[in-house]
């Protein structure tokens, strides 16, 4: 299994639990991003792709429409800032303000009532499902240019590290990455990214998380997918900070 860095923690913990409970099938997990996972199953390098977005029309045109989709959880894309910025009062933003930061139209935190310091905006790499969702929901188009971006991070964990280590950063990452309290999420358009707001769609950046197979899953893949989407797997998801499907 390979793919989304957002789904990766769930994949890793679920695989360990599944491997420990039986010996017929062994699941191994790597990241690489949603796009890489989709490519890997299409080229038969992986059996399962982890994805934080749906397969695109371009991917279907390139590889054929023979993908099988499985919902494995709910997620929100959290927008967070470095602690000095948060402590200075930047605790809530609007969609338009975030859009203007990533478009390069707002360049200094003082324009938003914060300190007089340049904004260090972190984005995700091409092929990231999180980037595609952010661009579509915030910027209005998943292929839009974002000239306000200062650096590109490979995965939500790298975004988190960059925010923690900087004193002027803003970035976006998966909901499960905020569970330890190292960074504080922002309210967007008046709604915090919490379980209830994500579950009911009140928080703008909400989405489903998926496993994909190319054609029907093989026997071992199907058993693992049943485990992840069943009560035990969904309990694992909730324990590590994901929002289980049963929350719907």
C-alpha atoms as a PDB file:
ATOM      1  CA  UNK A   1       0.000   0.000   0.000  1.00  0.00           C
ATOM      2  CA  UNK A   2       1.281   3.478  -0.845  1.00  0.00           C
ATOM      3  CA  UNK A   3       0.102   7.060  -1.264  1.00  0.00           C
ATOM      4  CA  UNK A   4      -1.287   9.939   0.775  1.00  0.00           C
ATOM      5  CA  UNK A   5       0.810  11.287   3.654  1.00  0.00           C
ATOM      6  CA  UNK A   6      -2.452  12.326   5.315  1.00  0.00           C
ATOM      7  CA  UNK A   7      -3.770   8.749   5.351  1.00  0.00           C
ATOM      8  CA  UNK A   8      -0.311   7.285   6.056  1.00  0.00           C
ATOM      9  CA  UNK A   9      -0.549   7.269   9.895  1.00  0.00           C
ATOM     10  CA  UNK A  10      -3.857   5.393   9.686  1.00  0.00           C
ATOM     11  CA  UNK A  11      -2.407   2.973   7.134  1.00  0.00           C
ATOM     12  CA  UNK A  12       0.645   2.262   9.262  1.00  0.00           C
ATOM     13  CA  UNK A  13      -1.179   1.681  12.557  1.00  0.00           C
ATOM     14  CA  UNK A  14      -3.986  -0.321  10.941  1.00  0.00           C
ATOM     15  CA  UNK A  15      -1.451  -2.464   9.058  1.00  0.00           C
ATOM     16  CA  UNK A  16       0.427  -3.241  12.275  1.00  0.00           C
ATOM     17  CA  UNK A  17      -2.806  -4.267  14.028  1.00  0.00           C
ATOM     18  CA  UNK A  18      -3.948  -6.346  11.035  1.00  0.00           C
ATOM     19  CA  UNK A  19      -0.571  -8.066  10.649  1.00  0.00           C
ATOM     20  CA  UNK A  20      -0.554  -8.978  14.343  1.00  0.00           C
ATOM     21  CA  UNK A  21      -4.002 -10.553  14.290  1.00  0.00           C
ATOM     22  CA  UNK A  22      -3.429 -12.985  11.387  1.00  0.00           C
ATOM     23  CA  UNK A  23      -0.618 -14.498   9.316  1.00  0.00           C
ATOM     24  CA  UNK A  24      -2.288 -15.075   5.944  1.00  0.00           C
ATOM     25  CA  UNK A  25      -1.672 -11.554   4.623  1.00  0.00           C
ATOM     26  CA  UNK A  26       1.100  -9.071   5.387  1.00  0.00           C
ATOM     27  CA  UNK A  27       0.533  -5.382   4.670  1.00  0.00           C
ATOM     28  CA  UNK A  28       3.483  -3.054   4.042  1.00  0.00           C
ATOM     29  CA  UNK A  29       2.976   0.712   3.834  1.00  0.00           C
ATOM     30  CA  UNK A  30       4.847   3.598   2.182  1.00  0.00           C
ATOM     31  CA  UNK A  31       3.898   7.238   1.545  1.00  0.00           C
ATOM     32  CA  UNK A  32       4.716   9.326  -1.512  1.00  0.00           C
ATOM     33  CA  UNK A  33       1.489  11.309  -1.866  1.00  0.00           C
ATOM     34  CA  UNK A  34      -1.937  10.569  -3.327  1.00  0.00           C
ATOM     35  CA  UNK A  35      -0.804  10.957  -6.933  1.00  0.00           C
ATOM     36  CA  UNK A  36       2.026   8.480  -6.405  1.00  0.00           C
ATOM     37  CA  UNK A  37      -0.350   5.969  -4.828  1.00  0.00           C
ATOM     38  CA  UNK A  38      -2.764   6.189  -7.755  1.00  0.00           C
ATOM     39  CA  UNK A  39       0.125   5.742 -10.198  1.00  0.00           C
ATOM     40  CA  UNK A  40       1.435   2.767  -8.240  1.00  0.00           C
ATOM     41  CA  UNK A  41      -1.808   0.806  -8.325  1.00  0.00           C
ATOM     42  CA  UNK A  42      -2.322   1.618 -12.016  1.00  0.00           C
ATOM     43  CA  UNK A  43       1.180   0.285 -12.734  1.00  0.00           C
ATOM     44  CA  UNK A  44       0.621  -2.690 -10.366  1.00  0.00           C
ATOM     45  CA  UNK A  45       3.433  -1.598  -8.039  1.00  0.00           C
ATOM     46  CA  UNK A  46       1.012  -1.402  -5.109  1.00  0.00           C
ATOM     47  CA  UNK A  47      -2.219  -3.236  -4.364  1.00  0.00           C
ATOM     48  CA  UNK A  48      -3.869  -0.339  -2.516  1.00  0.00           C
ATOM     49  CA  UNK A  49      -3.521   3.440  -2.899  1.00  0.00           C
ATOM     50  CA  UNK A  50      -4.134   5.722   0.067  1.00  0.00           C
ATOM     51  CA  UNK A  51      -5.807   8.922  -1.141  1.00  0.00           C
ATOM     52  CA  UNK A  52      -6.957  12.198   0.389  1.00  0.00           C
ATOM     53  CA  UNK A  53      -9.015  13.075  -2.689  1.00  0.00           C
ATOM     54  CA  UNK A  54     -10.967  11.246  -5.364  1.00  0.00           C
ATOM     55  CA  UNK A  55      -9.305   9.938  -8.518  1.00  0.00           C
ATOM     56  CA  UNK A  56      -9.291  12.756 -11.061  1.00  0.00           C
ATOM     57  CA  UNK A  57     -10.654  12.747 -14.593  1.00  0.00           C
ATOM     58  CA  UNK A  58      -7.081  13.155 -15.864  1.00  0.00           C
ATOM     59  CA  UNK A  59      -6.017  10.015 -13.972  1.00  0.00           C
ATOM     60  CA  UNK A  60      -8.989   8.111 -15.367  1.00  0.00           C
ATOM     61  CA  UNK A  61      -8.137   9.290 -18.878  1.00  0.00           C
ATOM     62  CA  UNK A  62      -4.514   8.240 -18.427  1.00  0.00           C
ATOM     63  CA  UNK A  63      -5.035   4.893 -16.719  1.00  0.00           C
ATOM     64  CA  UNK A  64      -8.632   3.981 -17.544  1.00  0.00           C
ATOM     65  CA  UNK A  65     -11.638   4.227 -15.272  1.00  0.00           C
ATOM     66  CA  UNK A  66     -11.087   0.870 -13.626  1.00  0.00           C
ATOM     67  CA  UNK A  67     -10.589   2.189 -10.075  1.00  0.00           C
ATOM     68  CA  UNK A  68     -12.511   0.881  -7.067  1.00  0.00           C
ATOM     69  CA  UNK A  69     -13.024   3.354  -4.226  1.00  0.00           C
ATOM     70  CA  UNK A  70     -13.412   2.638  -0.506  1.00  0.00           C
ATOM     71  CA  UNK A  71     -14.189   5.314   2.120  1.00  0.00           C
ATOM     72  CA  UNK A  72     -11.941   4.858   5.168  1.00  0.00           C
ATOM     73  CA  UNK A  73     -12.478   8.026   7.222  1.00  0.00           C
ATOM     74  CA  UNK A  74     -13.307  11.704   7.437  1.00  0.00           C
ATOM     75  CA  UNK A  75     -10.780  14.507   7.580  1.00  0.00           C
ATOM     76  CA  UNK A  76     -10.378  18.246   7.737  1.00  0.00           C
ATOM     77  CA  UNK A  77      -7.523  20.277   6.321  1.00  0.00           C
ATOM     78  CA  UNK A  78      -6.282  22.402   9.193  1.00  0.00           C
ATOM     79  CA  UNK A  79      -4.723  25.823   8.632  1.00  0.00           C
ATOM     80  CA  UNK A  80      -2.202  26.716  11.332  1.00  0.00           C
ATOM     81  CA  UNK A  81       0.363  29.440  12.041  1.00  0.00           C
ATOM     82  CA  UNK A  82       3.575  29.616  14.058  1.00  0.00           C
ATOM     83  CA  UNK A  83       3.113  30.153  17.801  1.00  0.00           C
ATOM     84  CA  UNK A  84       4.383  33.790  17.835  1.00  0.00           C
ATOM     85  CA  UNK A  85       1.799  34.669  15.181  1.00  0.00           C
ATOM     86  CA  UNK A  86      -0.992  32.837  17.009  1.00  0.00           C
ATOM     87  CA  UNK A  87      -0.039  34.420  20.327  1.00  0.00           C
ATOM     88  CA  UNK A  88      -0.050  37.849  18.648  1.00  0.00           C
ATOM     89  CA  UNK A  89      -3.759  37.416  17.910  1.00  0.00           C
ATOM     90  CA  UNK A  90      -3.994  35.668  14.533  1.00  0.00           C
ATOM     91  CA  UNK A  91      -6.441  32.975  15.633  1.00  0.00           C
ATOM     92  CA  UNK A  92      -9.101  33.282  12.959  1.00  0.00           C
ATOM     93  CA  UNK A  93      -9.052  34.041   9.245  1.00  0.00           C
ATOM     94  CA  UNK A  94     -11.559  34.118   6.413  1.00  0.00           C
ATOM     95  CA  UNK A  95     -11.309  32.089   3.236  1.00  0.00           C
ATOM     96  CA  UNK A  96     -10.607  35.316   1.348  1.00  0.00           C
ATOM     97  CA  UNK A  97      -7.728  36.256   3.657  1.00  0.00           C
ATOM     98  CA  UNK A  98      -6.096  32.832   3.276  1.00  0.00           C
ATOM     99  CA  UNK A  99      -6.583  33.043  -0.498  1.00  0.00           C
ATOM    100  CA  UNK A 100      -4.892  36.454  -0.611  1.00  0.00           C
ATOM    101  CA  UNK A 101      -1.929  35.154   1.419  1.00  0.00           C
ATOM    102  CA  UNK A 102      -1.327  32.264  -0.996  1.00  0.00           C
ATOM    103  CA  UNK A 103      -1.968  34.515  -4.006  1.00  0.00           C
ATOM    104  CA  UNK A 104       0.740  36.870  -2.770  1.00  0.00           C
ATOM    105  CA  UNK A 105      -1.644  39.771  -2.224  1.00  0.00           C
ATOM    106  CA  UNK A 106      -1.172  39.827   1.574  1.00  0.00           C
ATOM    107  CA  UNK A 107       2.532  39.584   2.392  1.00  0.00           C
ATOM    108  CA  UNK A 108       2.911  40.901   5.943  1.00  0.00           C
ATOM    109  CA  UNK A 109       1.125  39.772   9.115  1.00  0.00           C
ATOM    110  CA  UNK A 110       0.481  43.398  10.091  1.00  0.00           C
ATOM    111  CA  UNK A 111      -2.069  43.574   7.243  1.00  0.00           C
ATOM    112  CA  UNK A 112      -4.158  41.097   9.250  1.00  0.00           C
ATOM    113  CA  UNK A 113      -3.641  42.725  12.639  1.00  0.00           C
ATOM    114  CA  UNK A 114      -0.532  40.751  13.521  1.00  0.00           C
ATOM    115  CA  UNK A 115       3.118  41.692  13.971  1.00  0.00           C
ATOM    116  CA  UNK A 116       5.145  43.554  11.371  1.00  0.00           C
ATOM    117  CA  UNK A 117       6.807  40.520   9.824  1.00  0.00           C
ATOM    118  CA  UNK A 118       6.770  38.837   6.417  1.00  0.00           C
ATOM    119  CA  UNK A 119       4.442  35.886   5.926  1.00  0.00           C
ATOM    120  CA  UNK A 120       6.168  32.545   5.349  1.00  0.00           C
ATOM    121  CA  UNK A 121       3.542  30.501   3.481  1.00  0.00           C
ATOM    122  CA  UNK A 122       3.978  26.738   3.211  1.00  0.00           C
ATOM    123  CA  UNK A 123       2.236  24.662   0.532  1.00  0.00           C
ATOM    124  CA  UNK A 124       2.268  20.996  -0.442  1.00  0.00           C
ATOM    125  CA  UNK A 125       3.935  19.371  -3.430  1.00  0.00           C
ATOM    126  CA  UNK A 126       2.298  18.671  -6.802  1.00  0.00           C
ATOM    127  CA  UNK A 127       0.395  15.389  -6.688  1.00  0.00           C
ATOM    128  CA  UNK A 128      -0.700  15.952  -3.086  1.00  0.00           C
ATOM    129  CA  UNK A 129      -4.402  15.380  -2.515  1.00  0.00           C
ATOM    130  CA  UNK A 130      -4.263  17.866   0.345  1.00  0.00           C
ATOM    131  CA  UNK A 131      -2.875  20.523  -1.986  1.00  0.00           C
ATOM    132  CA  UNK A 132      -5.569  19.807  -4.583  1.00  0.00           C
ATOM    133  CA  UNK A 133      -8.346  20.124  -1.987  1.00  0.00           C
ATOM    134  CA  UNK A 134      -6.863  23.291  -0.485  1.00  0.00           C
ATOM    135  CA  UNK A 135      -6.465  24.915  -3.893  1.00  0.00           C
ATOM    136  CA  UNK A 136      -9.972  23.949  -4.966  1.00  0.00           C
ATOM    137  CA  UNK A 137     -11.735  25.009  -1.739  1.00  0.00           C
ATOM    138  CA  UNK A 138      -9.644  28.087  -0.895  1.00  0.00           C
ATOM    139  CA  UNK A 139      -8.162  29.305  -4.164  1.00  0.00           C
ATOM    140  CA  UNK A 140     -11.122  28.286  -6.356  1.00  0.00           C
ATOM    141  CA  UNK A 141      -9.153  26.046  -8.736  1.00  0.00           C
ATOM    142  CA  UNK A 142      -6.922  23.072  -7.980  1.00  0.00           C
ATOM    143  CA  UNK A 143      -4.431  24.067 -10.726  1.00  0.00           C
ATOM    144  CA  UNK A 144      -4.192  27.749  -9.765  1.00  0.00           C
ATOM    145  CA  UNK A 145      -0.808  29.421  -9.345  1.00  0.00           C
ATOM    146  CA  UNK A 146       0.053  30.408  -5.760  1.00  0.00           C
ATOM    147  CA  UNK A 147       2.809  33.049  -6.005  1.00  0.00           C
ATOM    148  CA  UNK A 148       2.574  33.802  -2.275  1.00  0.00           C
ATOM    149  CA  UNK A 149       4.045  30.404  -1.393  1.00  0.00           C
ATOM    150  CA  UNK A 150       7.469  30.596   0.243  1.00  0.00           C
ATOM    151  CA  UNK A 151       8.288  26.880   0.368  1.00  0.00           C
ATOM    152  CA  UNK A 152       6.862  23.467  -0.555  1.00  0.00           C
ATOM    153  CA  UNK A 153       6.705  20.635   1.987  1.00  0.00           C
ATOM    154  CA  UNK A 154       6.601  16.924   1.232  1.00  0.00           C
ATOM    155  CA  UNK A 155       3.829  15.730   3.524  1.00  0.00           C
ATOM    156  CA  UNK A 156       1.782  16.992   6.455  1.00  0.00           C
ATOM    157  CA  UNK A 157       4.503  16.026   8.950  1.00  0.00           C
ATOM    158  CA  UNK A 158       6.971  18.297   7.158  1.00  0.00           C
ATOM    159  CA  UNK A 159       4.427  21.141   7.123  1.00  0.00           C
ATOM    160  CA  UNK A 160       3.964  20.735  10.876  1.00  0.00           C
ATOM    161  CA  UNK A 161       7.716  20.775  11.519  1.00  0.00           C
ATOM    162  CA  UNK A 162       8.136  23.910   9.403  1.00  0.00           C
ATOM    163  CA  UNK A 163       5.358  25.743  11.263  1.00  0.00           C
ATOM    164  CA  UNK A 164       6.766  24.770  14.665  1.00  0.00           C
ATOM    165  CA  UNK A 165      10.325  25.781  13.767  1.00  0.00           C
ATOM    166  CA  UNK A 166       9.448  29.141  12.191  1.00  0.00           C
ATOM    167  CA  UNK A 167       8.175  32.302  13.872  1.00  0.00           C
ATOM    168  CA  UNK A 168       6.133  33.679  10.943  1.00  0.00           C
ATOM    169  CA  UNK A 169       4.695  30.674   9.071  1.00  0.00           C
ATOM    170  CA  UNK A 170       1.282  29.575   7.848  1.00  0.00           C
ATOM    171  CA  UNK A 171       0.567  26.158   6.391  1.00  0.00           C
ATOM    172  CA  UNK A 172      -2.124  23.512   5.869  1.00  0.00           C
ATOM    173  CA  UNK A 173      -2.105  19.885   6.989  1.00  0.00           C
ATOM    174  CA  UNK A 174      -4.331  16.931   7.865  1.00  0.00           C
ATOM    175  CA  UNK A 175      -6.535  17.029  10.984  1.00  0.00           C
ATOM    176  CA  UNK A 176      -4.825  14.050  12.635  1.00  0.00           C
ATOM    177  CA  UNK A 177      -1.508  15.945  12.786  1.00  0.00           C
ATOM    178  CA  UNK A 178      -2.746  18.454  15.400  1.00  0.00           C
ATOM    179  CA  UNK A 179      -3.607  15.933  18.102  1.00  0.00           C
ATOM    180  CA  UNK A 180      -0.501  16.481  20.230  1.00  0.00           C
ATOM    181  CA  UNK A 181      -1.128  20.199  20.651  1.00  0.00           C
ATOM    182  CA  UNK A 182       2.207  21.277  19.142  1.00  0.00           C
ATOM    183  CA  UNK A 183       0.381  23.671  16.831  1.00  0.00           C
ATOM    184  CA  UNK A 184      -2.929  25.495  17.202  1.00  0.00           C
ATOM    185  CA  UNK A 185      -5.454  25.408  14.350  1.00  0.00           C
ATOM    186  CA  UNK A 186      -7.140  28.560  13.113  1.00  0.00           C
ATOM    187  CA  UNK A 187     -10.859  29.199  12.871  1.00  0.00           C
ATOM    188  CA  UNK A 188     -11.840  29.639   9.211  1.00  0.00           C
ATOM    189  CA  UNK A 189     -14.949  31.681   8.382  1.00  0.00           C
ATOM    190  CA  UNK A 190     -15.992  31.380  12.019  1.00  0.00           C
ATOM    191  CA  UNK A 191     -15.703  27.601  12.359  1.00  0.00           C
ATOM    192  CA  UNK A 192     -12.989  25.620  14.113  1.00  0.00           C
ATOM    193  CA  UNK A 193     -11.725  22.359  12.583  1.00  0.00           C
ATOM    194  CA  UNK A 194     -13.172  20.020  15.203  1.00  0.00           C
ATOM    195  CA  UNK A 195     -14.914  16.676  14.915  1.00  0.00           C
ATOM    196  CA  UNK A 196     -18.467  18.051  14.944  1.00  0.00           C
ATOM    197  CA  UNK A 197     -17.849  20.869  12.467  1.00  0.00           C
ATOM    198  CA  UNK A 198     -16.059  18.513  10.084  1.00  0.00           C
ATOM    199  CA  UNK A 199     -18.680  15.780  10.494  1.00  0.00           C
ATOM    200  CA  UNK A 200     -21.553  18.136   9.632  1.00  0.00           C
ATOM    201  CA  UNK A 201     -19.692  20.024   6.909  1.00  0.00           C
ATOM    202  CA  UNK A 202     -19.691  23.356   8.768  1.00  0.00           C
ATOM    203  CA  UNK A 203     -15.920  23.651   8.549  1.00  0.00           C
ATOM    204  CA  UNK A 204     -15.126  24.490   4.929  1.00  0.00           C
ATOM    205  CA  UNK A 205     -12.112  22.244   4.416  1.00  0.00           C
ATOM    206  CA  UNK A 206     -13.724  18.876   5.126  1.00  0.00           C
ATOM    207  CA  UNK A 207     -13.283  15.761   2.994  1.00  0.00           C
ATOM    208  CA  UNK A 208     -13.361  11.979   2.840  1.00  0.00           C
ATOM    209  CA  UNK A 209     -10.269   9.798   2.895  1.00  0.00           C
ATOM    210  CA  UNK A 210     -10.027   6.772   0.627  1.00  0.00           C
ATOM    211  CA  UNK A 211      -8.368   3.538  -0.279  1.00  0.00           C
ATOM    212  CA  UNK A 212      -8.335   2.704  -3.993  1.00  0.00           C
ATOM    213  CA  UNK A 213      -7.603  -0.500  -5.843  1.00  0.00           C
ATOM    214  CA  UNK A 214      -7.195  -0.927  -9.568  1.00  0.00           C
ATOM    215  CA  UNK A 215     -10.133  -3.115 -10.567  1.00  0.00           C
ATOM    216  CA  UNK A 216     -11.462  -5.321  -7.775  1.00  0.00           C
ATOM    217  CA  UNK A 217      -9.176  -5.873  -4.783  1.00  0.00           C
ATOM    218  CA  UNK A 218      -7.337  -9.149  -4.444  1.00  0.00           C
ATOM    219  CA  UNK A 219      -8.185 -11.430  -1.514  1.00  0.00           C
ATOM    220  CA  UNK A 220      -5.639  -9.997   0.949  1.00  0.00           C
ATOM    221  CA  UNK A 221      -6.400  -6.395  -0.017  1.00  0.00           C
ATOM    222  CA  UNK A 222     -10.105  -7.010   0.509  1.00  0.00           C
ATOM    223  CA  UNK A 223      -9.538  -8.498   3.956  1.00  0.00           C
ATOM    224  CA  UNK A 224      -7.436  -5.499   4.996  1.00  0.00           C
ATOM    225  CA  UNK A 225      -9.981  -3.008   3.629  1.00  0.00           C
ATOM    226  CA  UNK A 226     -12.745  -4.831   5.528  1.00  0.00           C
ATOM    227  CA  UNK A 227     -10.653  -4.558   8.680  1.00  0.00           C
ATOM    228  CA  UNK A 228      -9.995  -0.811   8.266  1.00  0.00           C
ATOM    229  CA  UNK A 229     -13.633   0.012   7.471  1.00  0.00           C
ATOM    230  CA  UNK A 230     -14.974  -2.290  10.173  1.00  0.00           C
ATOM    231  CA  UNK A 231     -15.401  -1.572  13.910  1.00  0.00           C
ATOM    232  CA  UNK A 232     -11.826  -2.479  14.917  1.00  0.00           C
ATOM    233  CA  UNK A 233     -10.177  -0.468  12.172  1.00  0.00           C
ATOM    234  CA  UNK A 234     -12.401   2.539  12.746  1.00  0.00           C
ATOM    235  CA  UNK A 235     -11.587   2.407  16.451  1.00  0.00           C
ATOM    236  CA  UNK A 236      -7.898   2.508  15.494  1.00  0.00           C
ATOM    237  CA  UNK A 237      -8.627   5.519  13.273  1.00  0.00           C
ATOM    238  CA  UNK A 238     -10.320   7.401  16.091  1.00  0.00           C
ATOM    239  CA  UNK A 239      -7.566   6.579  18.594  1.00  0.00           C
ATOM    240  CA  UNK A 240      -4.892   8.202  16.425  1.00  0.00           C
ATOM    241  CA  UNK A 241      -6.865  11.354  15.645  1.00  0.00           C
ATOM    242  CA  UNK A 242      -8.872  10.504  12.532  1.00  0.00           C
ATOM    243  CA  UNK A 243     -12.619  10.971  12.332  1.00  0.00           C
ATOM    244  CA  UNK A 244     -14.225   7.538  11.866  1.00  0.00           C
ATOM    245  CA  UNK A 245     -16.889   6.865   9.273  1.00  0.00           C
ATOM    246  CA  UNK A 246     -19.338   5.988  12.042  1.00  0.00           C
ATOM    247  CA  UNK A 247     -19.178   9.659  13.078  1.00  0.00           C
ATOM    248  CA  UNK A 248     -21.512  10.364  10.206  1.00  0.00           C
END
